[in-house]
Amino acid sequence: MLPPPRLPAVTFDTSELTHSLNALKKAQIIGSCYAFSHAFVYFAYAAGFRFGIYLIQAGRMTPEGMFVVFTAIAYGAMAVGEALVLAPEYSKAKSGAAHLFALLEKKPTIDSHSQEGKKPLGQQQQQGGLGLLQVLPTSPYSADEASSVDTGQGLRKQAWPKRFYIYTSCFNESINLILHEDTCEGSLEFRDVSFFYPCRPDVFILQGLSLSIEKGKTVALVGSSGCGKSTSVHLLQRFYDPVQGQVLFDGIDAKDLNVQWLRSQIAIVSQEPVLFNCSIAENIAYGDNSREVSLDEIKEVAKAANIHSFIESLPEKYNTQVGLKGTQLSGGQKQRLAIARALLRRPKILVLDEATSALDNESEKVVQHALDRARRERTCLLVTHKLSTIQNADLIVVLHNGKIREQGTHQELLRNRDIYFKLVNAQSVQ
């Protein structure tokens, strides 16, 4: 038989008794320190007078000298007494500092500042010759390091401000340049991924997840709360590493890639965007801190995010202050501003994590239109519980208890009449 449930009053009394005992113990310690600190002052007075009289009787000190020394002793005793009053606070501060220093000394498993790891190169080839004749030296990281590079044939090329790897090939006196830039293609793969959070090692959030996403495709992850949708996004950004399996970018394990490079290829629009207490232009420019961003480029991404016309209607336009956490803007306006900021980086992979879940119907339509434009020509991963926003996705993946229960297009899943069908019907009723 199960034991009878504890009454709320009994639970409350037990909890309060613990707090009362702790408070009483603390009061006793503070009271003792306070009493001892004041007693110490008077003990010092008594000892000073007694020893001073002894020295005067012995002829080793004058009365005037005794009072000078006594004053110094009195001030010293008062300082010690005041310090003793703070002894309990010192103990608490020492304990807190120990936790702080222990935290500072911890080294993260995934170091976001590390320069180690691969930085794969995308490729763009211009029309021209065929045979590979020679490889030029890697161009410098900045124009300050060198002004030009030598081809070895009397030709000199100006240093490129970005990291490009230049190859020359020649056929029938035509020159061909193949430009390699630090960028990924955008294909993703979860290969037999299992994961649990370190604080809950007995609860697997993902169990053998295998999912392939082709570059340029839009894939939606849906399912009930706790099924692993947001966890997949965390693994994609490498906030955590899988316990088992691999997360692959263009066929390369995320563990082998440079963390900064990997995250620079991904832009994310979350449910509650973070805006800074500065102008609209500055908030958008924060999307790419690696370079100077022109106002024309800011306007371009604002148009793509469907917020340019609203900004132009403001008295100060792009210099308008958004307020602390964007309090001067509505939810839909903040979300479109976040989309513009994400697009500024020109990411190959766009992640939309519940981007419209907190918006009303009117704002959702405007933001959804901006998201549809933002998804073009890039790999997009949608995480949402609003099924009306993912009907045009190339692939819809339904997660259940960390596993893929079903996947397909909107129409295919409706015909299956499984979890997705039930979710759609439940939202239609609501």
Foldseek 3Di string as FASTA:
>chain_A
DDDDDDDPVVVVVVVVVVVVVVVVVVVVQLVVLLVVLVVQLVVLLVVLVVVLVVCVVVVNDDPVVSVVVSVVSNVVSNVVSVVSSCVVVVVVVVVVVVVVVVVVPDDDPADLPDPAFDQDWDKDWDDKDDDFDDWWPWADCACVVDQWGDPVPPDIDGGDNHTWTWTWDHDPRITITMTIHRAAQAKKWWAQFWADDPVCVPAILAGGATDTFDWLFEEEEAEDPSLCQVVVVCVQLPPDPTPDTAIDGVRHGPVRHNNNSSNLQEAEQAQQDFAAQFFLLVRLVVLDPPDDDDPVLLLVLLVLLVCQVVLVPDPVRRRDGLHHRSPNDDLLNRLSSSSSSRCSSVHQEYEYHQSPVPDDPVSSVSRLSSVVSSSGRHYYYYYHLPVVSCQPGQKYFYGDSNYTPDMGHPVVVCVVCPDSVVSVVVVVVD
